[in-house]
Protein backbone atom coordinates (compact mmCIF):
# COMPACT_ATOMS: atom_id res chain seq x y z
CA MET A 1 -23.86 28.48 20.48
CA SER A 2 -21.77 30.17 17.79
CA LYS A 3 -23.37 32.12 15.00
CA ARG A 4 -22.37 31.15 11.46
CA HIS A 5 -21.11 33.97 9.30
CA SER A 6 -22.75 34.51 5.95
CA LEU A 7 -20.61 34.86 2.84
CA SER A 8 -21.58 38.51 2.50
CA SER A 9 -20.50 39.23 6.07
CA ILE A 10 -16.94 38.20 5.20
CA GLY A 11 -16.95 40.20 1.98
CA LEU A 12 -17.45 37.34 -0.46
CA ASP A 13 -20.06 37.57 -3.18
CA LEU A 14 -20.40 34.41 -5.27
CA ASP A 15 -21.80 36.48 -8.14
CA ASP A 16 -18.34 38.05 -8.52
CA ILE A 17 -16.60 34.69 -8.89
CA GLU A 18 -16.41 33.21 -12.35
CA ALA A 19 -15.17 29.71 -13.13
CA LYS A 20 -13.38 29.43 -16.45
CA PRO A 21 -13.69 26.20 -18.41
CA ALA A 22 -10.49 24.13 -18.54
CA SER A 23 -8.73 26.46 -16.11
CA GLY A 24 -7.42 23.55 -14.00
CA GLN A 25 -4.38 21.45 -14.77
CA LYS A 26 -4.95 18.20 -16.62
CA VAL A 27 -3.93 15.14 -14.65
CA ALA A 28 -2.73 12.13 -16.63
CA ALA A 29 -4.69 8.92 -16.12
CA PHE A 30 -2.79 6.22 -14.24
CA HIS A 31 -2.49 4.07 -17.38
CA GLU A 32 -0.92 6.99 -19.28
CA GLU A 33 1.84 7.55 -16.72
CA PRO A 34 5.31 6.28 -17.63
CA PRO A 35 6.33 3.04 -15.90
CA THR A 36 8.16 3.48 -12.64
CA GLN A 37 10.99 1.45 -11.18
CA THR A 38 10.29 -1.48 -8.89
CA PRO A 39 11.12 -1.10 -5.18
CA GLN A 40 14.28 -3.19 -5.66
CA GLU A 41 15.51 -0.79 -8.37
CA THR A 42 14.62 2.41 -6.54
CA PRO A 43 17.09 3.33 -3.82
CA GLY A 44 15.35 4.06 -0.53
CA ALA A 45 11.94 2.79 -1.70
CA TYR A 46 9.97 0.46 0.53
CA VAL A 47 7.75 -2.41 -0.45
CA LYS A 48 4.65 -0.67 0.88
CA ASP A 49 5.19 2.09 -1.68
CA LYS A 50 4.62 -0.32 -4.58
CA ALA A 51 3.16 -3.58 -3.27
CA VAL A 52 -0.47 -4.66 -3.24
CA ASN A 53 -1.97 -5.36 0.16
CA MET A 54 -3.71 -8.71 0.65
CA THR A 55 -5.77 -9.71 3.67
CA VAL A 56 -6.13 -13.26 4.94
CA TYR A 57 -8.74 -14.09 7.56
CA LEU A 58 -7.78 -16.77 10.09
CA LEU A 59 -9.51 -18.18 13.10
CA PRO A 60 -7.79 -17.14 16.34
CA HIS A 61 -6.37 -20.61 17.08
CA ASP A 62 -4.86 -20.84 13.57
CA HIS A 63 -3.35 -17.38 13.89
CA LYS A 64 -1.82 -18.36 17.22
CA ARG A 65 -0.34 -21.52 15.65
CA LEU A 66 1.26 -19.45 12.88
CA LYS A 67 2.68 -16.95 15.38
CA GLN A 68 4.16 -19.80 17.43
CA LEU A 69 5.66 -21.38 14.30
CA ALA A 70 7.20 -18.06 13.30
CA VAL A 71 8.75 -17.66 16.76
CA GLU A 72 10.07 -21.23 16.74
CA HIS A 73 11.75 -20.62 13.36
CA ASP A 74 12.89 -17.08 14.24
CA THR A 75 10.97 -15.56 11.35
CA THR A 76 7.71 -13.72 10.64
CA ILE A 77 4.23 -14.80 9.61
CA GLN A 78 4.81 -12.78 6.42
CA ALA A 79 7.86 -14.92 5.58
CA LEU A 80 5.94 -18.14 6.31
CA VAL A 81 3.08 -17.07 4.05
CA MET A 82 5.49 -16.08 1.25
CA ASP A 83 7.20 -19.49 1.54
CA GLY A 84 3.84 -21.25 1.38
CA LEU A 85 2.86 -19.29 -1.72
CA ASP A 86 6.20 -20.25 -3.30
CA VAL A 87 5.33 -23.93 -2.78
CA ILE A 88 1.95 -23.48 -4.50
CA LEU A 89 3.50 -21.58 -7.41
CA ASP A 90 6.26 -24.21 -7.79
CA ARG A 91 3.66 -27.01 -7.91
CA ASN A 92 2.02 -25.18 -10.78
CA GLY A 93 5.27 -24.64 -12.71
CA GLN A 94 5.60 -20.95 -11.92
CA GLU A 95 8.44 -18.84 -10.54
CA SER A 96 8.69 -17.98 -6.88
CA LEU A 97 7.41 -14.65 -5.60
CA THR A 98 9.72 -11.66 -5.88
CA ARG A 99 11.36 -10.88 -2.55
CA TRP A 100 12.43 -7.48 -1.28
CA LYS A 101 14.78 -6.29 1.40
CA THR A 102 13.10 -5.61 4.70
CA ARG A 103 13.65 -2.30 6.44
CA ARG A 104 13.38 -3.99 9.82
CA LYS A 105 16.44 -5.03 11.73
CA ALA A 106 17.19 -8.74 11.80
CA ARG A 107 15.94 -10.60 14.86
CA GLY A 108 18.31 -11.98 17.42
């Protein structure tokens, strides 16, 4: 069993340390920061740097059906979901989702 060292044994006395008010750097709140470029405008930026993550829960048999459909159409589940969301947005008179360039190599 190792023995813990006390602060005084390493030459540190907390009575000698004084914190000064406002001695740290001020960090701007997120809403005060200037707007940044979107991933499409920023060279070398990836979607995960700016995008919002969304989770969808599926039953195993539904997930398997989606995976099979993606393989049959030589695409990804992500692309299928984005296409489905485009259909819903179009039905409600809204623009399609913004697409980005993938950093993965094309299949095939």
